[in-house]
Amino acid sequence: MSTAAAIPRCVNQAAYSAARATCRAQVQRHGICEIPNFIQPQFVTQILNGAETLRRTGLGFRSWEEHNVYLEDGTTRGQTTPVRSVSSSSSKVLINQKELVESGTSADLLVDLHRWTGMRDLLQEAFALPSLHPSTDSYGGVYLNFFERGDKLGWHFDRSEFSVNLILRECPRNCEGTTPGAFVYWPNSRDQVDEMDTSGADLQIDESKLVVPDLQPGTLYLFAGNRSLHCVAENTTETVRANAIFTYNIKPNQVLNQYTLKKFFGVPVAEVSPTVDVIPG
């Protein structure tokens, strides 16, 4: 287990210690553990400034995909159940780990966080995992997402049972009190949606049960994305939503397959080792 002495300077020790004590119960009950002020404000600013420097120099890959709630692509539409035939689109700009490492900006603090054993321990405890290892993929171990005007993530379940997300900047609320670019989820909805799918019913999202967490910059959240239907609402503002994703795997030495690297990170196949393994999600 990690000790307090091993905690990086950018991490709020009190927030981290509290999360270690409560995250397992929160994930079991709600499918999510939110840790406000996980990263101290001055370091959030440093990371975001470095991230913006990279984005403004033209780094990053614009990813777009069409999918259903099970992340199946558009080729299955009309051939299966009504639930699986409902199509959504997702788009964003990604800056990969290799670009972070080579940038020389303060955004590379994210790489250190990803490799810190305390982050792994926190996730492993929260999801009661027998083992856990940081992804060794040089592109997708940790990466930045930018949601510019018009970008969003359509409704879906993750393929992985866990994810780790650090909020760097959210969009402002509009005059109706809603938040463009907000993360929205339907807690523990997998059974309901699966029942709609198997029974041949139409997809009906229960809006009365939707949750929009108040995710301020510096908040780390751990999410059971295969249990809860979720999305990121369309960004209708000029404020660019920014977050970082940290990738971990049950097995050691896992890397992304060529299809994923090309589709989501824009990596030419020639740059990818032909021996990469496939990782769902």
C-alpha atoms as a PDB file:
ATOM      1  CA  MET A   1       0.000   0.000   0.000  1.00  0.00           C
ATOM      2  CA  SER A   2       1.083   3.567  -0.642  1.00  0.00           C
ATOM      3  CA  THR A   3       2.151   5.700   2.269  1.00  0.00           C
ATOM      4  CA  ALA A   4       1.496   9.384   2.839  1.00  0.00           C
ATOM      5  CA  ALA A   5       5.183  10.077   2.120  1.00  0.00           C
ATOM      6  CA  ALA A   6       4.735   8.674  -1.382  1.00  0.00           C
ATOM      7  CA  ILE A   7       1.881  11.030  -2.261  1.00  0.00           C
ATOM      8  CA  PRO A   8       2.874  13.475  -5.042  1.00  0.00           C
ATOM      9  CA  ARG A   9       2.870  17.183  -4.200  1.00  0.00           C
ATOM     10  CA  CYS A  10      -0.002  17.848  -6.576  1.00  0.00           C
ATOM     11  CA  VAL A  11      -2.338  15.480  -4.711  1.00  0.00           C
ATOM     12  CA  ASN A  12      -4.440  16.688  -1.775  1.00  0.00           C
ATOM     13  CA  GLN A  13      -3.426  14.258   0.975  1.00  0.00           C
ATOM     14  CA  ALA A  14      -6.602  14.745   3.015  1.00  0.00           C
ATOM     15  CA  ALA A  15      -8.838  14.104   0.000  1.00  0.00           C
ATOM     16  CA  TYR A  16      -6.827  11.046  -0.966  1.00  0.00           C
ATOM     17  CA  SER A  17      -6.911   9.553   2.544  1.00  0.00           C
ATOM     18  CA  ALA A  18     -10.655  10.122   2.855  1.00  0.00           C
ATOM     19  CA  ALA A  19     -11.246   8.465  -0.493  1.00  0.00           C
ATOM     20  CA  ARG A  20      -9.247   5.398   0.489  1.00  0.00           C
ATOM     21  CA  ALA A  21     -11.636   4.990   3.435  1.00  0.00           C
ATOM     22  CA  THR A  22     -14.935   5.505   1.599  1.00  0.00           C
ATOM     23  CA  CYS A  23     -14.627   4.837  -2.138  1.00  0.00           C
ATOM     24  CA  ARG A  24     -15.437   1.129  -1.987  1.00  0.00           C
ATOM     25  CA  ALA A  25     -18.771   1.795  -0.284  1.00  0.00           C
ATOM     26  CA  GLN A  26     -19.606   4.614  -2.715  1.00  0.00           C
ATOM     27  CA  VAL A  27     -18.906   2.457  -5.768  1.00  0.00           C
ATOM     28  CA  GLN A  28     -20.969  -0.400  -4.361  1.00  0.00           C
ATOM     29  CA  ARG A  29     -23.913   1.885  -3.598  1.00  0.00           C
ATOM     30  CA  HIS A  30     -23.861   4.388  -6.449  1.00  0.00           C
ATOM     31  CA  GLY A  31     -21.438   3.053  -9.059  1.00  0.00           C
ATOM     32  CA  ILE A  32     -19.293   6.172  -8.726  1.00  0.00           C
ATOM     33  CA  CYS A  33     -16.827   7.702  -6.277  1.00  0.00           C
ATOM     34  CA  GLU A  34     -16.279  11.449  -6.590  1.00  0.00           C
ATOM     35  CA  ILE A  35     -13.179  12.938  -4.937  1.00  0.00           C
ATOM     36  CA  PRO A  36     -13.357  16.758  -4.974  1.00  0.00           C
ATOM     37  CA  ASN A  37     -10.062  18.660  -4.716  1.00  0.00           C
ATOM     38  CA  PHE A  38      -8.055  15.517  -5.405  1.00  0.00           C
ATOM     39  CA  ILE A  39      -5.552  17.690  -7.280  1.00  0.00           C
ATOM     40  CA  GLN A  40      -4.649  20.957  -5.577  1.00  0.00           C
ATOM     41  CA  PRO A  41      -5.833  24.082  -7.440  1.00  0.00           C
ATOM     42  CA  GLN A  42      -2.408  25.460  -8.379  1.00  0.00           C
ATOM     43  CA  PHE A  43      -1.486  22.158 -10.004  1.00  0.00           C
ATOM     44  CA  VAL A  44      -4.815  21.946 -11.844  1.00  0.00           C
ATOM     45  CA  THR A  45      -3.931  25.338 -13.323  1.00  0.00           C
ATOM     46  CA  GLN A  46      -0.437  24.161 -14.275  1.00  0.00           C
ATOM     47  CA  ILE A  47      -1.725  20.987 -15.939  1.00  0.00           C
ATOM     48  CA  LEU A  48      -4.474  22.852 -17.778  1.00  0.00           C
ATOM     49  CA  ASN A  49      -2.069  25.534 -18.994  1.00  0.00           C
ATOM     50  CA  GLY A  50       0.239  22.844 -20.350  1.00  0.00           C
ATOM     51  CA  ALA A  51      -2.697  21.045 -21.964  1.00  0.00           C
ATOM     52  CA  GLU A  52      -3.920  24.238 -23.626  1.00  0.00           C
ATOM     53  CA  THR A  53      -0.427  24.942 -24.945  1.00  0.00           C
ATOM     54  CA  LEU A  54      -0.459  21.565 -26.680  1.00  0.00           C
ATOM     55  CA  ARG A  55      -3.972  22.010 -28.085  1.00  0.00           C
ATOM     56  CA  ARG A  56      -3.251  25.479 -29.452  1.00  0.00           C
ATOM     57  CA  THR A  57      -0.132  24.269 -31.247  1.00  0.00           C
ATOM     58  CA  GLY A  58      -2.302  21.855 -33.202  1.00  0.00           C
ATOM     59  CA  LEU A  59      -1.443  18.636 -31.394  1.00  0.00           C
ATOM     60  CA  GLY A  60      -4.215  16.131 -30.889  1.00  0.00           C
ATOM     61  CA  PHE A  61      -6.468  13.921 -32.974  1.00  0.00           C
ATOM     62  CA  ARG A  62     -10.151  14.579 -33.608  1.00  0.00           C
ATOM     63  CA  SER A  63     -12.048  11.369 -32.954  1.00  0.00           C
ATOM     64  CA  TRP A  64     -15.587  10.728 -34.198  1.00  0.00           C
ATOM     65  CA  GLU A  65     -17.682   7.595 -34.056  1.00  0.00           C
ATOM     66  CA  GLU A  66     -21.253   6.409 -34.442  1.00  0.00           C
ATOM     67  CA  HIS A  67     -22.414   3.763 -31.969  1.00  0.00           C
ATOM     68  CA  ASN A  68     -25.306   2.365 -29.945  1.00  0.00           C
ATOM     69  CA  VAL A  69     -25.574   2.033 -26.155  1.00  0.00           C
ATOM     70  CA  TYR A  70     -23.391  -1.098 -26.222  1.00  0.00           C
ATOM     71  CA  LEU A  71     -20.680   0.685 -28.252  1.00  0.00           C
ATOM     72  CA  GLU A  72     -21.454  -1.376 -31.333  1.00  0.00           C
ATOM     73  CA  ASP A  73     -20.860   0.606 -34.510  1.00  0.00           C
ATOM     74  CA  GLY A  74     -23.445   1.751 -37.012  1.00  0.00           C
ATOM     75  CA  THR A  75     -23.181  -1.362 -39.190  1.00  0.00           C
ATOM     76  CA  THR A  76     -25.542  -3.218 -36.818  1.00  0.00           C
ATOM     77  CA  ARG A  77     -28.318  -0.603 -37.036  1.00  0.00           C
ATOM     78  CA  GLY A  78     -31.633  -2.000 -38.255  1.00  0.00           C
ATOM     79  CA  GLN A  79     -30.393  -5.585 -38.081  1.00  0.00           C
ATOM     80  CA  THR A  80     -30.960  -6.302 -34.394  1.00  0.00           C
ATOM     81  CA  THR A  81     -33.197  -5.135 -31.539  1.00  0.00           C
ATOM     82  CA  PRO A  82     -34.805  -1.686 -31.199  1.00  0.00           C
ATOM     83  CA  VAL A  83     -32.401  -0.840 -28.360  1.00  0.00           C
ATOM     84  CA  ARG A  84     -29.340  -1.746 -30.405  1.00  0.00           C
ATOM     85  CA  SER A  85     -30.698   0.114 -33.437  1.00  0.00           C
ATOM     86  CA  VAL A  86     -30.659   3.487 -31.649  1.00  0.00           C
ATOM     87  CA  SER A  87     -27.616   5.360 -32.926  1.00  0.00           C
ATOM     88  CA  SER A  88     -25.618   8.070 -31.153  1.00  0.00           C
ATOM     89  CA  SER A  89     -22.490   9.962 -32.120  1.00  0.00           C
ATOM     90  CA  SER A  90     -19.429  10.889 -30.076  1.00  0.00           C
ATOM     91  CA  SER A  91     -16.662  13.353 -30.861  1.00  0.00           C
ATOM     92  CA  LYS A  92     -13.706  14.946 -29.092  1.00  0.00           C
ATOM     93  CA  VAL A  93     -10.041  15.857 -29.519  1.00  0.00           C
ATOM     94  CA  LEU A  94      -7.468  13.573 -27.845  1.00  0.00           C
ATOM     95  CA  ILE A  95      -3.846  14.272 -26.932  1.00  0.00           C
ATOM     96  CA  ASN A  96      -2.075  11.010 -26.262  1.00  0.00           C
ATOM     97  CA  GLN A  97       0.506  10.017 -23.661  1.00  0.00           C
ATOM     98  CA  LYS A  98       3.405  10.082 -26.105  1.00  0.00           C
ATOM     99  CA  GLU A  99       2.613  13.704 -26.936  1.00  0.00           C
ATOM    100  CA  LEU A 100       2.393  14.525 -23.216  1.00  0.00           C
ATOM    101  CA  VAL A 101       5.780  12.944 -22.500  1.00  0.00           C
ATOM    102  CA  GLU A 102       7.474  14.688 -25.413  1.00  0.00           C
ATOM    103  CA  SER A 103       5.861  18.072 -24.786  1.00  0.00           C
ATOM    104  CA  GLY A 104       8.031  19.281 -21.911  1.00  0.00           C
ATOM    105  CA  THR A 105       4.981  21.101 -20.496  1.00  0.00           C
ATOM    106  CA  SER A 106       3.439  20.811 -17.036  1.00  0.00           C
ATOM    107  CA  ALA A 107       0.777  18.544 -18.544  1.00  0.00           C
ATOM    108  CA  ASP A 108       3.277  15.695 -18.199  1.00  0.00           C
ATOM    109  CA  LEU A 109       2.403  15.656 -14.472  1.00  0.00           C
ATOM    110  CA  LEU A 110      -0.435  13.416 -15.627  1.00  0.00           C
ATOM    111  CA  VAL A 111       2.066  10.742 -16.626  1.00  0.00           C
ATOM    112  CA  ASP A 112       3.587  10.769 -13.146  1.00  0.00           C
ATOM    113  CA  LEU A 113       0.139  10.460 -11.594  1.00  0.00           C
ATOM    114  CA  HIS A 114      -0.668   7.491 -13.807  1.00  0.00           C
ATOM    115  CA  ARG A 115       2.487   5.686 -12.692  1.00  0.00           C
ATOM    116  CA  TRP A 116       2.011   6.535  -8.996  1.00  0.00           C
ATOM    117  CA  THR A 117       1.149   3.356  -7.083  1.00  0.00           C
ATOM    118  CA  GLY A 118      -1.280   5.247  -4.867  1.00  0.00           C
ATOM    119  CA  MET A 119      -3.631   5.831  -7.811  1.00  0.00           C
ATOM    120  CA  ARG A 120      -3.575   2.136  -8.619  1.00  0.00           C
ATOM    121  CA  ASP A 121      -4.195   1.219  -4.968  1.00  0.00           C
ATOM    122  CA  LEU A 122      -7.175   3.568  -4.785  1.00  0.00           C
ATOM    123  CA  LEU A 123      -8.791   2.077  -7.884  1.00  0.00           C
ATOM    124  CA  GLN A 124      -8.026  -1.480  -6.849  1.00  0.00           C
ATOM    125  CA  GLU A 125      -9.682  -0.986  -3.454  1.00  0.00           C
ATOM    126  CA  ALA A 126     -12.693   0.872  -4.857  1.00  0.00           C
ATOM    127  CA  PHE A 127     -13.554  -1.958  -7.250  1.00  0.00           C
ATOM    128  CA  ALA A 128     -12.252  -4.849  -5.116  1.00  0.00           C
ATOM    129  CA  LEU A 129      -9.947  -6.015  -7.890  1.00  0.00           C
ATOM    130  CA  PRO A 130      -7.574  -8.926  -7.273  1.00  0.00           C
ATOM    131  CA  SER A 131      -4.796  -7.180  -9.192  1.00  0.00           C
ATOM    132  CA  LEU A 132      -4.303  -4.029 -11.192  1.00  0.00           C
ATOM    133  CA  HIS A 133      -1.599  -2.597 -13.439  1.00  0.00           C
ATOM    134  CA  PRO A 134      -1.119   0.712 -15.280  1.00  0.00           C
ATOM    135  CA  SER A 135      -1.513   0.360 -19.024  1.00  0.00           C
ATOM    136  CA  THR A 136       1.894   0.198 -20.666  1.00  0.00           C
ATOM    137  CA  ASP A 137       0.564   1.564 -23.937  1.00  0.00           C
ATOM    138  CA  SER A 138       2.717   4.527 -24.984  1.00  0.00           C
ATOM    139  CA  TYR A 139      -0.289   6.334 -26.494  1.00  0.00           C
ATOM    140  CA  GLY A 140      -3.284   5.401 -24.355  1.00  0.00           C
ATOM    141  CA  GLY A 141      -1.900   4.972 -20.836  1.00  0.00           C
ATOM    142  CA  VAL A 142      -3.033   8.472 -19.892  1.00  0.00           C
ATOM    143  CA  TYR A 143      -4.471  10.995 -22.302  1.00  0.00           C
ATOM    144  CA  LEU A 144      -6.320  14.288 -22.520  1.00  0.00           C
ATOM    145  CA  ASN A 145      -9.833  14.818 -23.868  1.00  0.00           C
ATOM    146  CA  PHE A 146     -11.031  18.180 -25.162  1.00  0.00           C
ATOM    147  CA  PHE A 147     -14.706  18.767 -25.879  1.00  0.00           C
ATOM    148  CA  GLU A 148     -14.975  21.812 -28.127  1.00  0.00           C
ATOM    149  CA  ARG A 149     -18.228  23.417 -29.246  1.00  0.00           C
ATOM    150  CA  GLY A 150     -20.465  20.716 -30.758  1.00  0.00           C
ATOM    151  CA  ASP A 151     -18.587  17.802 -29.178  1.00  0.00           C
ATOM    152  CA  LYS A 152     -20.274  15.209 -26.969  1.00  0.00           C
ATOM    153  CA  LEU A 153     -20.331  11.549 -25.956  1.00  0.00           C
ATOM    154  CA  GLY A 154     -23.527   9.711 -26.883  1.00  0.00           C
ATOM    155  CA  TRP A 155     -25.366   7.444 -24.440  1.00  0.00           C
ATOM    156  CA  HIS A 156     -23.468   4.219 -23.803  1.00  0.00           C
ATOM    157  CA  PHE A 157     -22.216   1.611 -21.355  1.00  0.00           C
ATOM    158  CA  ASP A 158     -18.452   1.176 -21.055  1.00  0.00           C
ATOM    159  CA  ARG A 159     -16.981  -2.208 -21.860  1.00  0.00           C
ATOM    160  CA  SER A 160     -14.603  -1.960 -18.917  1.00  0.00           C
ATOM    161  CA  GLU A 161     -15.975  -2.291 -15.387  1.00  0.00           C
ATOM    162  CA  PHE A 162     -13.983   0.718 -14.156  1.00  0.00           C
ATOM    163  CA  SER A 163     -12.579   4.044 -15.316  1.00  0.00           C
ATOM    164  CA  VAL A 164     -10.581   6.912 -13.789  1.00  0.00           C
ATOM    165  CA  ASN A 165     -11.245  10.476 -14.865  1.00  0.00           C
ATOM    166  CA  LEU A 166      -9.714  13.779 -13.724  1.00  0.00           C
ATOM    167  CA  ILE A 167     -11.690  16.965 -14.408  1.00  0.00           C
ATOM    168  CA  LEU A 168      -9.584  19.947 -15.497  1.00  0.00           C
ATOM    169  CA  ARG A 169     -12.286  22.291 -16.772  1.00  0.00           C
ATOM    170  CA  GLU A 170     -16.084  22.138 -17.061  1.00  0.00           C
ATOM    171  CA  CYS A 171     -18.439  24.334 -19.077  1.00  0.00           C
ATOM    172  CA  PRO A 172     -20.467  27.074 -17.340  1.00  0.00           C
ATOM    173  CA  ARG A 173     -24.143  26.563 -16.591  1.00  0.00           C
ATOM    174  CA  ASN A 174     -26.500  28.300 -18.995  1.00  0.00           C
ATOM    175  CA  CYS A 175     -29.463  30.513 -18.138  1.00  0.00           C
ATOM    176  CA  GLU A 176     -31.783  27.487 -17.891  1.00  0.00           C
ATOM    177  CA  GLY A 177     -29.627  26.091 -15.109  1.00  0.00           C
ATOM    178  CA  THR A 178     -28.347  23.142 -17.157  1.00  0.00           C
ATOM    179  CA  THR A 179     -24.684  22.488 -17.894  1.00  0.00           C
ATOM    180  CA  PRO A 180     -23.567  22.039 -21.502  1.00  0.00           C
ATOM    181  CA  GLY A 181     -20.861  19.413 -21.798  1.00  0.00           C
ATOM    182  CA  ALA A 182     -21.922  17.848 -18.482  1.00  0.00           C
ATOM    183  CA  PHE A 183     -21.324  14.235 -17.525  1.00  0.00           C
ATOM    184  CA  VAL A 184     -24.746  12.609 -17.001  1.00  0.00           C
ATOM    185  CA  TYR A 185     -25.532   9.081 -15.858  1.00  0.00           C
ATOM    186  CA  TRP A 186     -28.469   6.792 -15.021  1.00  0.00           C
ATOM    187  CA  PRO A 187     -27.268   4.917 -11.911  1.00  0.00           C
ATOM    188  CA  ASN A 188     -27.216   1.118 -12.013  1.00  0.00           C
ATOM    189  CA  SER A 189     -29.366   1.002 -15.149  1.00  0.00           C
ATOM    190  CA  ARG A 190     -27.746  -1.932 -16.924  1.00  0.00           C
ATOM    191  CA  ASP A 191     -30.412  -4.461 -15.932  1.00  0.00           C
ATOM    192  CA  GLN A 192     -33.246  -2.188 -17.082  1.00  0.00           C
ATOM    193  CA  VAL A 193     -31.664  -1.496 -20.460  1.00  0.00           C
ATOM    194  CA  ASP A 194     -30.698  -5.153 -20.952  1.00  0.00           C
ATOM    195  CA  GLU A 195     -34.318  -6.108 -20.230  1.00  0.00           C
ATOM    196  CA  MET A 196     -35.535  -3.642 -22.869  1.00  0.00           C
ATOM    197  CA  ASP A 197     -33.029  -5.180 -25.276  1.00  0.00           C
ATOM    198  CA  THR A 198     -33.965  -8.816 -24.670  1.00  0.00           C
ATOM    199  CA  SER A 199     -37.714  -8.124 -24.689  1.00  0.00           C
ATOM    200  CA  GLY A 200     -37.598  -6.174 -27.937  1.00  0.00           C
ATOM    201  CA  ALA A 201     -38.816  -2.950 -26.321  1.00  0.00           C
ATOM    202  CA  ASP A 202     -37.750   0.529 -27.372  1.00  0.00           C
ATOM    203  CA  LEU A 203     -34.969   2.276 -25.468  1.00  0.00           C
ATOM    204  CA  GLN A 204     -36.539   4.510 -22.812  1.00  0.00           C
ATOM    205  CA  ILE A 205     -34.207   6.538 -20.611  1.00  0.00           C
ATOM    206  CA  ASP A 206     -35.791   7.404 -17.262  1.00  0.00           C
ATOM    207  CA  GLU A 207     -34.999  11.124 -17.065  1.00  0.00           C
ATOM    208  CA  SER A 208     -36.295  11.299 -13.484  1.00  0.00           C
ATOM    209  CA  LYS A 209     -33.368   9.136 -12.394  1.00  0.00           C
ATOM    210  CA  LEU A 210     -30.588  10.925 -14.247  1.00  0.00           C
ATOM    211  CA  VAL A 211     -27.735  12.324 -12.158  1.00  0.00           C
ATOM    212  CA  VAL A 212     -25.521  15.275 -13.116  1.00  0.00           C
ATOM    213  CA  PRO A 213     -22.666  15.347 -10.569  1.00  0.00           C
ATOM    214  CA  ASP A 214     -21.056  18.664  -9.680  1.00  0.00           C
ATOM    215  CA  LEU A 215     -17.589  17.934 -11.034  1.00  0.00           C
ATOM    216  CA  GLN A 216     -15.326  20.882 -10.322  1.00  0.00           C
ATOM    217  CA  PRO A 217     -11.748  21.199 -11.647  1.00  0.00           C
ATOM    218  CA  GLY A 218      -9.436  18.958  -9.632  1.00  0.00           C
ATOM    219  CA  THR A 219     -12.133  16.335  -9.007  1.00  0.00           C
ATOM    220  CA  LEU A 220     -11.112  12.732  -9.638  1.00  0.00           C
ATOM    221  CA  TYR A 221     -13.936  10.306 -10.159  1.00  0.00           C
ATOM    222  CA  LEU A 222     -13.938   6.527 -10.370  1.00  0.00           C
ATOM    223  CA  PHE A 223     -16.859   5.170 -12.356  1.00  0.00           C
ATOM    224  CA  ALA A 224     -18.420   1.768 -12.985  1.00  0.00           C
ATOM    225  CA  GLY A 225     -19.327   2.617 -16.553  1.00  0.00           C
ATOM    226  CA  ASN A 226     -20.531  -0.849 -17.517  1.00  0.00           C
ATOM    227  CA  ARG A 227     -23.256  -0.622 -14.840  1.00  0.00           C
ATOM    228  CA  SER A 228     -24.680   2.830 -15.572  1.00  0.00           C
ATOM    229  CA  LEU A 229     -25.791   4.295 -18.899  1.00  0.00           C
ATOM    230  CA  HIS A 230     -24.018   7.624 -19.337  1.00  0.00           C
ATOM    231  CA  CYS A 231     -23.124  10.420 -21.720  1.00  0.00           C
ATOM    232  CA  VAL A 232     -21.415  13.787 -21.967  1.00  0.00           C
ATOM    233  CA  ALA A 233     -23.972  16.361 -23.119  1.00  0.00           C
ATOM    234  CA  GLU A 234     -23.202  18.415 -26.198  1.00  0.00           C
ATOM    235  CA  ASN A 235     -20.980  21.399 -25.541  1.00  0.00           C
ATOM    236  CA  THR A 236     -22.930  24.396 -26.832  1.00  0.00           C
ATOM    237  CA  THR A 237     -20.496  26.987 -25.438  1.00  0.00           C
ATOM    238  CA  GLU A 238     -17.131  28.420 -26.423  1.00  0.00           C
ATOM    239  CA  THR A 239     -15.576  27.003 -23.227  1.00  0.00           C
ATOM    240  CA  VAL A 240     -13.595  23.859 -24.010  1.00  0.00           C
ATOM    241  CA  ARG A 241     -14.268  21.051 -21.539  1.00  0.00           C
ATOM    242  CA  ALA A 242     -11.023  19.282 -20.573  1.00  0.00           C
ATOM    243  CA  ASN A 243     -10.379  16.064 -18.676  1.00  0.00           C
ATOM    244  CA  ALA A 244      -7.740  13.358 -18.369  1.00  0.00           C
ATOM    245  CA  ILE A 245      -8.286   9.595 -18.555  1.00  0.00           C
ATOM    246  CA  PHE A 246      -6.012   7.150 -16.706  1.00  0.00           C
ATOM    247  CA  THR A 247      -5.995   3.592 -18.043  1.00  0.00           C
ATOM    248  CA  TYR A 248      -5.410   0.461 -15.934  1.00  0.00           C
ATOM    249  CA  ASN A 249      -5.791  -3.252 -16.648  1.00  0.00           C
ATOM    250  CA  ILE A 250      -6.271  -6.428 -14.652  1.00  0.00           C
ATOM    251  CA  LYS A 251      -3.378  -8.065 -16.521  1.00  0.00           C
ATOM    252  CA  PRO A 252       0.133  -6.583 -16.724  1.00  0.00           C
ATOM    253  CA  ASN A 253       1.819  -5.230 -19.852  1.00  0.00           C
ATOM    254  CA  GLN A 254      -1.376  -4.522 -21.794  1.00  0.00           C
ATOM    255  CA  VAL A 255      -1.377  -2.239 -24.837  1.00  0.00           C
ATOM    256  CA  LEU A 256      -4.010  -1.105 -27.329  1.00  0.00           C
ATOM    257  CA  ASN A 257      -4.735  -2.883 -30.596  1.00  0.00           C
ATOM    258  CA  GLN A 258      -4.030  -1.297 -33.988  1.00  0.00           C
ATOM    259  CA  TYR A 259      -7.686  -0.557 -34.726  1.00  0.00           C
ATOM    260  CA  THR A 260      -8.147   1.403 -31.476  1.00  0.00           C
ATOM    261  CA  LEU A 261      -4.888   3.314 -31.902  1.00  0.00           C
ATOM    262  CA  LYS A 262      -5.789   4.362 -35.431  1.00  0.00           C
ATOM    263  CA  LYS A 263      -9.479   5.151 -34.790  1.00  0.00           C
ATOM    264  CA  PHE A 264      -9.191   7.016 -31.489  1.00  0.00           C
ATOM    265  CA  PHE A 265      -5.627   8.345 -31.478  1.00  0.00           C
ATOM    266  CA  GLY A 266      -4.899   8.707 -35.183  1.00  0.00           C
ATOM    267  CA  VAL A 267      -1.749   6.587 -34.957  1.00  0.00           C
ATOM    268  CA  PRO A 268      -0.665   5.280 -38.393  1.00  0.00           C
ATOM    269  CA  VAL A 269      -0.491   1.499 -38.497  1.00  0.00           C
ATOM    270  CA  ALA A 270       3.168   1.666 -39.519  1.00  0.00           C
ATOM    271  CA  GLU A 271       4.015   3.189 -36.133  1.00  0.00           C
ATOM    272  CA  VAL A 272       2.310   0.401 -34.181  1.00  0.00           C
ATOM    273  CA  SER A 273       3.958  -2.841 -33.148  1.00  0.00           C
ATOM    274  CA  PRO A 274       2.322  -5.791 -34.951  1.00  0.00           C
ATOM    275  CA  THR A 275       2.257  -7.758 -31.678  1.00  0.00           C
ATOM    276  CA  VAL A 276      -0.142  -5.496 -29.761  1.00  0.00           C
ATOM    277  CA  ASP A 277      -2.930  -7.154 -27.752  1.00  0.00           C
ATOM    278  CA  VAL A 278      -6.608  -6.380 -27.896  1.00  0.00           C
ATOM    279  CA  ILE A 279      -8.101  -4.641 -24.867  1.00  0.00           C
ATOM    280  CA  PRO A 280     -11.937  -4.386 -24.699  1.00  0.00           C
ATOM    281  CA  GLY A 281     -13.268  -0.908 -23.997  1.00  0.00           C
END
